[in-house]
C-alpha cells in the first residue's frame, strides 16, 4: 500500500469557532500534495503544518460556500509574497472561474505580480483529473439543490457541489466534502475505500452511522461537526461506536494527522 496521509487543517462547519478553522484538508499520496478546500485560516494552518508555498501540487475547491473558499484569496496573496515559483492549477466548479479571478484582481493580486502561472480548471462530473500523481474523480452531489430550487430564478447559476475519490496506485480515499443526502455517499462508496473523510453537519448522524456500517471502509474520519451536534457530542460519539462496531473511526479536530 502506498504512503498516504491526511492532515486536517480546518474541521469546523459554517459557524465561526474559537477552536476550529473552516474546511481545509491536506492529502499526501505517493509524493504528491493536494489541498482540498480553502476555508480560513488555511494560510496560517499550512504554515503551522510546515508546508512551504512550493509544496502544493494543486488545489481542489469542492463548492463555493465561504467556509470552503474564504481563505483562498489570502492563500494566493501569501504565494505572491513568498514567491511561489511552481505553476498552480486550481480545480473548482465552473461557475466560480470568472468571479474568483475577478476577486483576485479586485484585491490587487494581479497575474503580473505572481512568480508563477495560475490556471483555473472547471470540475466536470466523472471527468478524472490528476493533481501530481493523485487521480481525482469528482462526483456531483445535492448539497446546493435546495438553494438552487429557491434562488435560481433570481441568481442564475449551476449551484454545483462535488465529492471526490482520490486514488494512488494502491490506495483509495473518499472525501465527501459537503453533501445533501446519504444517496450522495452511495455513489462515492460503490467500491471499497481505505479512508473516508465524511462530513456530518448535513445528515442525521444515526442514519449516517447505519449507512456506513454496511460499506467496505478501512477507516472513517468524521468532520464538519455542526454546532448543534457538538452540543450532544458525547452521545453522538457513543452512538457511532455502537453502530459502527469494529470499523475504525475518529472525529477530526484541527491539526490531526491520519496515516493510511
C-alpha atoms as a PDB file:
ATOM      1  CA  UNK A   1       0.000   0.000   0.000  1.00  0.00           C
ATOM      2  CA  UNK A   2       1.293   3.474  -0.877  1.00  0.00           C
ATOM      3  CA  UNK A   3       2.127   6.153   1.648  1.00  0.00           C
ATOM      4  CA  UNK A   4      -0.968   8.250   2.289  1.00  0.00           C
ATOM      5  CA  UNK A   5      -1.676  10.857   4.932  1.00  0.00           C
ATOM      6  CA  UNK A   6      -4.462  13.270   5.728  1.00  0.00           C
ATOM      7  CA  UNK A   7      -3.751  16.406   7.742  1.00  0.00           C
ATOM      8  CA  UNK A   8      -6.867  18.167   8.997  1.00  0.00           C
ATOM      9  CA  UNK A   9      -6.163  21.893   8.685  1.00  0.00           C
ATOM     10  CA  UNK A  10      -9.734  23.021   9.321  1.00  0.00           C
ATOM     11  CA  UNK A  11     -12.574  20.837  10.579  1.00  0.00           C
ATOM     12  CA  UNK A  12     -15.267  23.349  11.507  1.00  0.00           C
ATOM     13  CA  UNK A  13     -18.676  23.930   9.998  1.00  0.00           C
ATOM     14  CA  UNK A  14     -20.179  27.178   8.739  1.00  0.00           C
ATOM     15  CA  UNK A  15     -20.294  28.797  12.179  1.00  0.00           C
ATOM     16  CA  UNK A  16     -17.236  30.640  13.472  1.00  0.00           C
ATOM     17  CA  UNK A  17     -15.426  28.760  16.228  1.00  0.00           C
ATOM     18  CA  UNK A  18     -12.675  29.656  18.667  1.00  0.00           C
ATOM     19  CA  UNK A  19     -11.146  26.194  18.325  1.00  0.00           C
ATOM     20  CA  UNK A  20     -11.681  25.088  14.731  1.00  0.00           C
ATOM     21  CA  UNK A  21     -10.846  26.588  11.374  1.00  0.00           C
ATOM     22  CA  UNK A  22     -13.097  26.162   8.374  1.00  0.00           C
ATOM     23  CA  UNK A  23     -12.837  23.283   5.901  1.00  0.00           C
ATOM     24  CA  UNK A  24      -9.324  22.596   4.621  1.00  0.00           C
ATOM     25  CA  UNK A  25      -7.609  19.221   4.242  1.00  0.00           C
ATOM     26  CA  UNK A  26      -4.113  18.327   3.093  1.00  0.00           C
ATOM     27  CA  UNK A  27      -3.678  14.968   1.378  1.00  0.00           C
ATOM     28  CA  UNK A  28      -0.244  13.486   0.699  1.00  0.00           C
ATOM     29  CA  UNK A  29      -0.278  10.471  -1.591  1.00  0.00           C
ATOM     30  CA  UNK A  30       2.805   8.857  -3.123  1.00  0.00           C
ATOM     31  CA  UNK A  31       4.842  12.023  -3.071  1.00  0.00           C
ATOM     32  CA  UNK A  32       2.125  14.412  -4.247  1.00  0.00           C
ATOM     33  CA  UNK A  33       0.322  17.000  -2.124  1.00  0.00           C
ATOM     34  CA  UNK A  34      -3.268  18.124  -2.687  1.00  0.00           C
ATOM     35  CA  UNK A  35      -5.110  20.826  -0.775  1.00  0.00           C
ATOM     36  CA  UNK A  36      -8.844  20.153  -0.589  1.00  0.00           C
ATOM     37  CA  UNK A  37     -10.802  23.357   0.095  1.00  0.00           C
ATOM     38  CA  UNK A  38      -9.513  26.620   1.486  1.00  0.00           C
ATOM     39  CA  UNK A  39     -11.579  27.578   4.483  1.00  0.00           C
ATOM     40  CA  UNK A  40      -9.892  30.309   6.519  1.00  0.00           C
ATOM     41  CA  UNK A  41      -7.356  30.480   8.101  1.00  0.00           C
ATOM     42  CA  UNK A  42      -5.796  27.983   5.684  1.00  0.00           C
ATOM     43  CA  UNK A  43      -2.656  30.063   5.106  1.00  0.00           C
ATOM     44  CA  UNK A  44      -1.794  30.035   8.808  1.00  0.00           C
ATOM     45  CA  UNK A  45      -2.693  26.355   9.121  1.00  0.00           C
ATOM     46  CA  UNK A  46      -0.435  25.374   6.223  1.00  0.00           C
ATOM     47  CA  UNK A  47       2.432  27.357   7.680  1.00  0.00           C
ATOM     48  CA  UNK A  48       1.923  25.803  11.106  1.00  0.00           C
ATOM     49  CA  UNK A  49       1.994  22.365   9.464  1.00  0.00           C
ATOM     50  CA  UNK A  50       5.356  23.151   7.884  1.00  0.00           C
ATOM     51  CA  UNK A  51       4.016  23.254   4.335  1.00  0.00           C
ATOM     52  CA  UNK A  52       6.060  25.538   2.096  1.00  0.00           C
ATOM     53  CA  UNK A  53       4.492  27.571  -0.758  1.00  0.00           C
ATOM     54  CA  UNK A  54       6.057  25.365  -3.442  1.00  0.00           C
ATOM     55  CA  UNK A  55       4.971  22.106  -1.773  1.00  0.00           C
ATOM     56  CA  UNK A  56       1.403  22.103  -3.069  1.00  0.00           C
ATOM     57  CA  UNK A  57       0.850  20.247  -6.347  1.00  0.00           C
ATOM     58  CA  UNK A  58      -2.674  21.594  -6.721  1.00  0.00           C
ATOM     59  CA  UNK A  59      -5.855  22.842  -5.060  1.00  0.00           C
ATOM     60  CA  UNK A  60      -9.403  21.469  -5.331  1.00  0.00           C
ATOM     61  CA  UNK A  61     -12.432  23.540  -4.289  1.00  0.00           C
ATOM     62  CA  UNK A  62     -15.484  21.340  -3.726  1.00  0.00           C
ATOM     63  CA  UNK A  63     -18.039  24.161  -3.905  1.00  0.00           C
ATOM     64  CA  UNK A  64     -18.234  27.890  -3.379  1.00  0.00           C
ATOM     65  CA  UNK A  65     -19.569  28.296   0.162  1.00  0.00           C
ATOM     66  CA  UNK A  66     -17.389  30.748   2.086  1.00  0.00           C
ATOM     67  CA  UNK A  67     -16.351  28.200   4.705  1.00  0.00           C
ATOM     68  CA  UNK A  68     -14.680  26.275   1.857  1.00  0.00           C
ATOM     69  CA  UNK A  69     -13.201  29.104  -0.217  1.00  0.00           C
ATOM     70  CA  UNK A  70     -12.901  32.048   2.185  1.00  0.00           C
ATOM     71  CA  UNK A  71      -9.170  31.545   2.753  1.00  0.00           C
ATOM     72  CA  UNK A  72      -8.260  31.114  -0.908  1.00  0.00           C
ATOM     73  CA  UNK A  73      -7.560  34.776  -1.594  1.00  0.00           C
ATOM     74  CA  UNK A  74      -5.251  35.189   1.395  1.00  0.00           C
ATOM     75  CA  UNK A  75      -3.501  31.988   0.326  1.00  0.00           C
ATOM     76  CA  UNK A  76      -2.873  33.424  -3.133  1.00  0.00           C
ATOM     77  CA  UNK A  77      -1.578  36.662  -1.611  1.00  0.00           C
ATOM     78  CA  UNK A  78       0.771  34.606   0.542  1.00  0.00           C
ATOM     79  CA  UNK A  79       2.009  32.706  -2.511  1.00  0.00           C
ATOM     80  CA  UNK A  80       2.687  36.071  -4.145  1.00  0.00           C
ATOM     81  CA  UNK A  81       4.626  37.483  -1.188  1.00  0.00           C
ATOM     82  CA  UNK A  82       6.541  34.261  -0.562  1.00  0.00           C
ATOM     83  CA  UNK A  83       7.412  33.985  -4.253  1.00  0.00           C
ATOM     84  CA  UNK A  84       5.944  30.603  -5.050  1.00  0.00           C
ATOM     85  CA  UNK A  85       7.642  29.545  -8.282  1.00  0.00           C
ATOM     86  CA  UNK A  86       5.746  26.429  -9.382  1.00  0.00           C
ATOM     87  CA  UNK A  87       2.761  26.811 -11.684  1.00  0.00           C
ATOM     88  CA  UNK A  88      -0.506  26.183  -9.836  1.00  0.00           C
ATOM     89  CA  UNK A  89      -3.667  24.512 -11.090  1.00  0.00           C
ATOM     90  CA  UNK A  90      -6.868  25.140  -9.134  1.00  0.00           C
ATOM     91  CA  UNK A  91      -9.855  22.893  -9.845  1.00  0.00           C
ATOM     92  CA  UNK A  92     -13.261  24.340  -8.961  1.00  0.00           C
ATOM     93  CA  UNK A  93     -16.905  24.418 -10.096  1.00  0.00           C
ATOM     94  CA  UNK A  94     -17.159  26.148 -13.458  1.00  0.00           C
ATOM     95  CA  UNK A  95     -19.406  28.895 -12.104  1.00  0.00           C
ATOM     96  CA  UNK A  96     -16.547  30.038  -9.859  1.00  0.00           C
ATOM     97  CA  UNK A  97     -13.909  30.572 -12.543  1.00  0.00           C
ATOM     98  CA  UNK A  98     -14.774  34.119 -13.543  1.00  0.00           C
ATOM     99  CA  UNK A  99     -15.826  35.564 -10.148  1.00  0.00           C
ATOM    100  CA  UNK A 100     -12.789  34.102  -8.369  1.00  0.00           C
ATOM    101  CA  UNK A 101     -10.491  35.610 -10.961  1.00  0.00           C
ATOM    102  CA  UNK A 102     -12.313  38.951 -10.639  1.00  0.00           C
ATOM    103  CA  UNK A 103     -11.966  38.832  -6.852  1.00  0.00           C
ATOM    104  CA  UNK A 104      -8.216  38.275  -7.151  1.00  0.00           C
ATOM    105  CA  UNK A 105      -7.992  41.299  -9.436  1.00  0.00           C
ATOM    106  CA  UNK A 106     -10.217  43.333  -7.099  1.00  0.00           C
ATOM    107  CA  UNK A 107      -7.866  42.587  -4.203  1.00  0.00           C
ATOM    108  CA  UNK A 108      -4.818  43.532  -6.323  1.00  0.00           C
ATOM    109  CA  UNK A 109      -3.445  40.021  -6.648  1.00  0.00           C
ATOM    110  CA  UNK A 110      -2.736  40.562 -10.333  1.00  0.00           C
ATOM    111  CA  UNK A 111      -1.278  37.798 -12.500  1.00  0.00           C
ATOM    112  CA  UNK A 112       1.624  40.094 -13.326  1.00  0.00           C
ATOM    113  CA  UNK A 113       2.655  40.150  -9.655  1.00  0.00           C
ATOM    114  CA  UNK A 114       2.884  36.378  -9.378  1.00  0.00           C
ATOM    115  CA  UNK A 115       6.127  34.493  -9.968  1.00  0.00           C
ATOM    116  CA  UNK A 116       4.067  31.512 -11.133  1.00  0.00           C
ATOM    117  CA  UNK A 117       1.298  30.848 -13.618  1.00  0.00           C
ATOM    118  CA  UNK A 118      -2.108  30.020 -12.159  1.00  0.00           C
ATOM    119  CA  UNK A 119      -4.662  28.082 -14.147  1.00  0.00           C
ATOM    120  CA  UNK A 120      -8.292  27.610 -13.064  1.00  0.00           C
ATOM    121  CA  UNK A 121      -9.867  24.426 -14.403  1.00  0.00           C
ATOM    122  CA  UNK A 122     -13.605  23.601 -14.189  1.00  0.00           C
ATOM    123  CA  UNK A 123     -14.623  20.408 -12.440  1.00  0.00           C
ATOM    124  CA  UNK A 124     -16.857  18.205 -14.576  1.00  0.00           C
ATOM    125  CA  UNK A 125     -18.763  15.259 -13.134  1.00  0.00           C
ATOM    126  CA  UNK A 126     -16.985  11.992 -13.890  1.00  0.00           C
ATOM    127  CA  UNK A 127     -14.090  13.721 -15.636  1.00  0.00           C
ATOM    128  CA  UNK A 128     -10.991  12.306 -13.936  1.00  0.00           C
ATOM    129  CA  UNK A 129      -8.088  14.698 -13.472  1.00  0.00           C
ATOM    130  CA  UNK A 130      -4.710  14.493 -11.782  1.00  0.00           C
ATOM    131  CA  UNK A 131      -3.013  16.504  -9.068  1.00  0.00           C
ATOM    132  CA  UNK A 132       0.561  15.322  -9.280  1.00  0.00           C
ATOM    133  CA  UNK A 133       0.297  11.545  -9.116  1.00  0.00           C
ATOM    134  CA  UNK A 134      -3.127  11.628  -7.423  1.00  0.00           C
ATOM    135  CA  UNK A 135      -6.066  10.602  -9.627  1.00  0.00           C
ATOM    136  CA  UNK A 136      -9.173  12.585  -8.706  1.00  0.00           C
ATOM    137  CA  UNK A 137     -12.683  11.505  -9.702  1.00  0.00           C
ATOM    138  CA  UNK A 138     -15.414  14.074  -8.948  1.00  0.00           C
ATOM    139  CA  UNK A 139     -18.983  13.051  -8.147  1.00  0.00           C
ATOM    140  CA  UNK A 140     -21.751  15.672  -8.205  1.00  0.00           C
ATOM    141  CA  UNK A 141     -23.816  15.867  -5.043  1.00  0.00           C
ATOM    142  CA  UNK A 142     -27.006  17.565  -3.917  1.00  0.00           C
ATOM    143  CA  UNK A 143     -25.585  19.857  -1.237  1.00  0.00           C
ATOM    144  CA  UNK A 144     -26.807  23.010  -3.018  1.00  0.00           C
ATOM    145  CA  UNK A 145     -30.009  21.603  -4.525  1.00  0.00           C
ATOM    146  CA  UNK A 146     -32.374  23.366  -2.104  1.00  0.00           C
ATOM    147  CA  UNK A 147     -30.635  26.688  -2.665  1.00  0.00           C
ATOM    148  CA  UNK A 148     -30.917  26.204  -6.406  1.00  0.00           C
ATOM    149  CA  UNK A 149     -34.633  25.473  -6.181  1.00  0.00           C
ATOM    150  CA  UNK A 150     -35.182  28.550  -4.025  1.00  0.00           C
ATOM    151  CA  UNK A 151     -32.956  31.107  -5.756  1.00  0.00           C
ATOM    152  CA  UNK A 152     -32.082  30.054  -9.300  1.00  0.00           C
ATOM    153  CA  UNK A 153     -34.718  32.378 -10.743  1.00  0.00           C
ATOM    154  CA  UNK A 154     -33.051  35.412  -9.193  1.00  0.00           C
ATOM    155  CA  UNK A 155     -29.451  34.177  -9.178  1.00  0.00           C
ATOM    156  CA  UNK A 156     -28.891  32.029 -12.291  1.00  0.00           C
ATOM    157  CA  UNK A 157     -26.108  29.541 -11.547  1.00  0.00           C
ATOM    158  CA  UNK A 158     -25.436  25.826 -11.639  1.00  0.00           C
ATOM    159  CA  UNK A 159     -25.204  25.550  -7.841  1.00  0.00           C
ATOM    160  CA  UNK A 160     -22.615  22.791  -8.205  1.00  0.00           C
ATOM    161  CA  UNK A 161     -21.054  20.804  -5.374  1.00  0.00           C
ATOM    162  CA  UNK A 162     -18.808  17.745  -5.572  1.00  0.00           C
ATOM    163  CA  UNK A 163     -17.481  14.793  -3.623  1.00  0.00           C
ATOM    164  CA  UNK A 164     -14.260  13.059  -4.653  1.00  0.00           C
ATOM    165  CA  UNK A 165     -12.341   9.825  -4.899  1.00  0.00           C
ATOM    166  CA  UNK A 166      -8.587  10.313  -4.526  1.00  0.00           C
ATOM    167  CA  UNK A 167      -6.516   7.393  -5.779  1.00  0.00           C
ATOM    168  CA  UNK A 168      -2.880   6.434  -5.857  1.00  0.00           C
ATOM    169  CA  UNK A 169      -1.647   3.115  -7.232  1.00  0.00           C
ATOM    170  CA  UNK A 170      -2.713   1.122  -4.178  1.00  0.00           C
ATOM    171  CA  UNK A 171      -4.852   3.397  -2.017  1.00  0.00           C
ATOM    172  CA  UNK A 172      -8.300   4.948  -2.387  1.00  0.00           C
ATOM    173  CA  UNK A 173      -9.562   7.842  -0.272  1.00  0.00           C
ATOM    174  CA  UNK A 174     -13.144   9.111  -0.450  1.00  0.00           C
ATOM    175  CA  UNK A 175     -13.768  12.727   0.521  1.00  0.00           C
ATOM    176  CA  UNK A 176     -17.420  13.654   0.886  1.00  0.00           C
ATOM    177  CA  UNK A 177     -16.990  17.445   1.204  1.00  0.00           C
ATOM    178  CA  UNK A 178     -20.474  18.836   1.978  1.00  0.00           C
ATOM    179  CA  UNK A 179     -23.318  16.599   0.824  1.00  0.00           C
ATOM    180  CA  UNK A 180     -27.089  16.819   0.615  1.00  0.00           C
ATOM    181  CA  UNK A 181     -28.130  13.241   1.395  1.00  0.00           C
ATOM    182  CA  UNK A 182     -26.851   9.745   2.118  1.00  0.00           C
ATOM    183  CA  UNK A 183     -27.506   8.853  -1.523  1.00  0.00           C
ATOM    184  CA  UNK A 184     -24.555  11.074  -2.404  1.00  0.00           C
ATOM    185  CA  UNK A 185     -22.321   8.784  -0.336  1.00  0.00           C
ATOM    186  CA  UNK A 186     -23.756   5.754  -2.095  1.00  0.00           C
ATOM    187  CA  UNK A 187     -22.231   6.915  -5.367  1.00  0.00           C
ATOM    188  CA  UNK A 188     -18.919   7.631  -3.670  1.00  0.00           C
ATOM    189  CA  UNK A 189     -18.722   4.249  -1.930  1.00  0.00           C
ATOM    190  CA  UNK A 190     -19.634   1.872  -4.732  1.00  0.00           C
ATOM    191  CA  UNK A 191     -16.239   0.226  -4.244  1.00  0.00           C
ATOM    192  CA  UNK A 192     -14.181  -0.349  -1.072  1.00  0.00           C
ATOM    193  CA  UNK A 193     -12.124   2.597   0.172  1.00  0.00           C
ATOM    194  CA  UNK A 194      -9.200   2.713   2.576  1.00  0.00           C
ATOM    195  CA  UNK A 195     -10.266   6.014   4.151  1.00  0.00           C
ATOM    196  CA  UNK A 196     -13.480   8.010   4.088  1.00  0.00           C
ATOM    197  CA  UNK A 197     -13.387  11.651   5.157  1.00  0.00           C
ATOM    198  CA  UNK A 198     -17.045  12.328   5.848  1.00  0.00           C
ATOM    199  CA  UNK A 199     -18.910  15.449   6.864  1.00  0.00           C
ATOM    200  CA  UNK A 200     -21.653  15.105   9.431  1.00  0.00           C
ATOM    201  CA  UNK A 201     -23.285  18.545   9.523  1.00  0.00           C
ATOM    202  CA  UNK A 202     -25.928  17.972   6.853  1.00  0.00           C
ATOM    203  CA  UNK A 203     -27.145  14.449   7.613  1.00  0.00           C
ATOM    204  CA  UNK A 204     -28.756  12.621  10.513  1.00  0.00           C
ATOM    205  CA  UNK A 205     -25.856  11.085  12.495  1.00  0.00           C
ATOM    206  CA  UNK A 206     -27.602   7.829  13.419  1.00  0.00           C
ATOM    207  CA  UNK A 207     -28.745   7.279   9.835  1.00  0.00           C
ATOM    208  CA  UNK A 208     -25.230   8.045   8.622  1.00  0.00           C
ATOM    209  CA  UNK A 209     -23.596   5.569  11.007  1.00  0.00           C
ATOM    210  CA  UNK A 210     -26.056   2.852  10.000  1.00  0.00           C
ATOM    211  CA  UNK A 211     -25.449   3.539   6.317  1.00  0.00           C
ATOM    212  CA  UNK A 212     -21.661   3.413   6.689  1.00  0.00           C
ATOM    213  CA  UNK A 213     -21.718   0.252   8.803  1.00  0.00           C
ATOM    214  CA  UNK A 214     -22.794  -1.674   5.697  1.00  0.00           C
ATOM    215  CA  UNK A 215     -19.960  -0.369   3.481  1.00  0.00           C
ATOM    216  CA  UNK A 216     -16.406  -1.591   2.951  1.00  0.00           C
ATOM    217  CA  UNK A 217     -14.368   1.190   4.554  1.00  0.00           C
ATOM    218  CA  UNK A 218     -10.976   0.820   6.156  1.00  0.00           C
ATOM    219  CA  UNK A 219     -11.369   3.880   8.361  1.00  0.00           C
ATOM    220  CA  UNK A 220     -13.755   6.820   8.725  1.00  0.00           C
ATOM    221  CA  UNK A 221     -12.696  10.325   9.704  1.00  0.00           C
ATOM    222  CA  UNK A 222     -15.726  12.454  10.569  1.00  0.00           C
ATOM    223  CA  UNK A 223     -15.517  16.212  10.141  1.00  0.00           C
ATOM    224  CA  UNK A 224     -17.715  19.304   9.826  1.00  0.00           C
ATOM    225  CA  UNK A 225     -19.483  18.524  13.102  1.00  0.00           C
ATOM    226  CA  UNK A 226     -22.097  21.252  13.333  1.00  0.00           C
ATOM    227  CA  UNK A 227     -22.648  23.428  16.370  1.00  0.00           C
ATOM    228  CA  UNK A 228     -25.978  21.710  17.228  1.00  0.00           C
ATOM    229  CA  UNK A 229     -24.319  18.283  17.009  1.00  0.00           C
ATOM    230  CA  UNK A 230     -21.426  19.409  19.198  1.00  0.00           C
ATOM    231  CA  UNK A 231     -23.866  20.236  21.977  1.00  0.00           C
ATOM    232  CA  UNK A 232     -24.585  16.487  22.242  1.00  0.00           C
ATOM    233  CA  UNK A 233     -21.191  15.282  21.067  1.00  0.00           C
ATOM    234  CA  UNK A 234     -20.690  12.638  23.739  1.00  0.00           C
ATOM    235  CA  UNK A 235     -23.989  10.979  22.942  1.00  0.00           C
ATOM    236  CA  UNK A 236     -23.238  11.096  19.212  1.00  0.00           C
ATOM    237  CA  UNK A 237     -19.761   9.607  19.683  1.00  0.00           C
ATOM    238  CA  UNK A 238     -21.186   6.752  21.771  1.00  0.00           C
ATOM    239  CA  UNK A 239     -23.773   6.147  19.082  1.00  0.00           C
ATOM    240  CA  UNK A 240     -21.072   5.949  16.423  1.00  0.00           C
ATOM    241  CA  UNK A 241     -19.105   3.426  18.466  1.00  0.00           C
ATOM    242  CA  UNK A 242     -22.171   1.243  18.934  1.00  0.00           C
ATOM    243  CA  UNK A 243     -23.443   1.324  15.363  1.00  0.00           C
ATOM    244  CA  UNK A 244     -20.100   1.165  13.542  1.00  0.00           C
ATOM    245  CA  UNK A 245     -18.890  -1.686  15.719  1.00  0.00           C
ATOM    246  CA  UNK A 246     -15.322  -2.591  14.837  1.00  0.00           C
ATOM    247  CA  UNK A 247     -14.969  -0.092  11.989  1.00  0.00           C
ATOM    248  CA  UNK A 248     -12.113   2.266  12.973  1.00  0.00           C
ATOM    249  CA  UNK A 249     -13.305   5.848  13.125  1.00  0.00           C
ATOM    250  CA  UNK A 250     -12.418   9.210  14.590  1.00  0.00           C
ATOM    251  CA  UNK A 251     -13.891  12.687  14.877  1.00  0.00           C
ATOM    252  CA  UNK A 252     -11.291  15.047  13.465  1.00  0.00           C
ATOM    253  CA  UNK A 253     -10.012  18.155  15.195  1.00  0.00           C
ATOM    254  CA  UNK A 254      -7.739  20.754  13.658  1.00  0.00           C
ATOM    255  CA  UNK A 255      -4.171  19.548  13.349  1.00  0.00           C
ATOM    256  CA  UNK A 256      -4.988  15.830  13.391  1.00  0.00           C
ATOM    257  CA  UNK A 257      -2.796  13.655  11.185  1.00  0.00           C
ATOM    258  CA  UNK A 258      -4.028  10.323   9.884  1.00  0.00           C
ATOM    259  CA  UNK A 259      -1.757   7.905   8.033  1.00  0.00           C
ATOM    260  CA  UNK A 260      -3.167   5.082   5.943  1.00  0.00           C
END
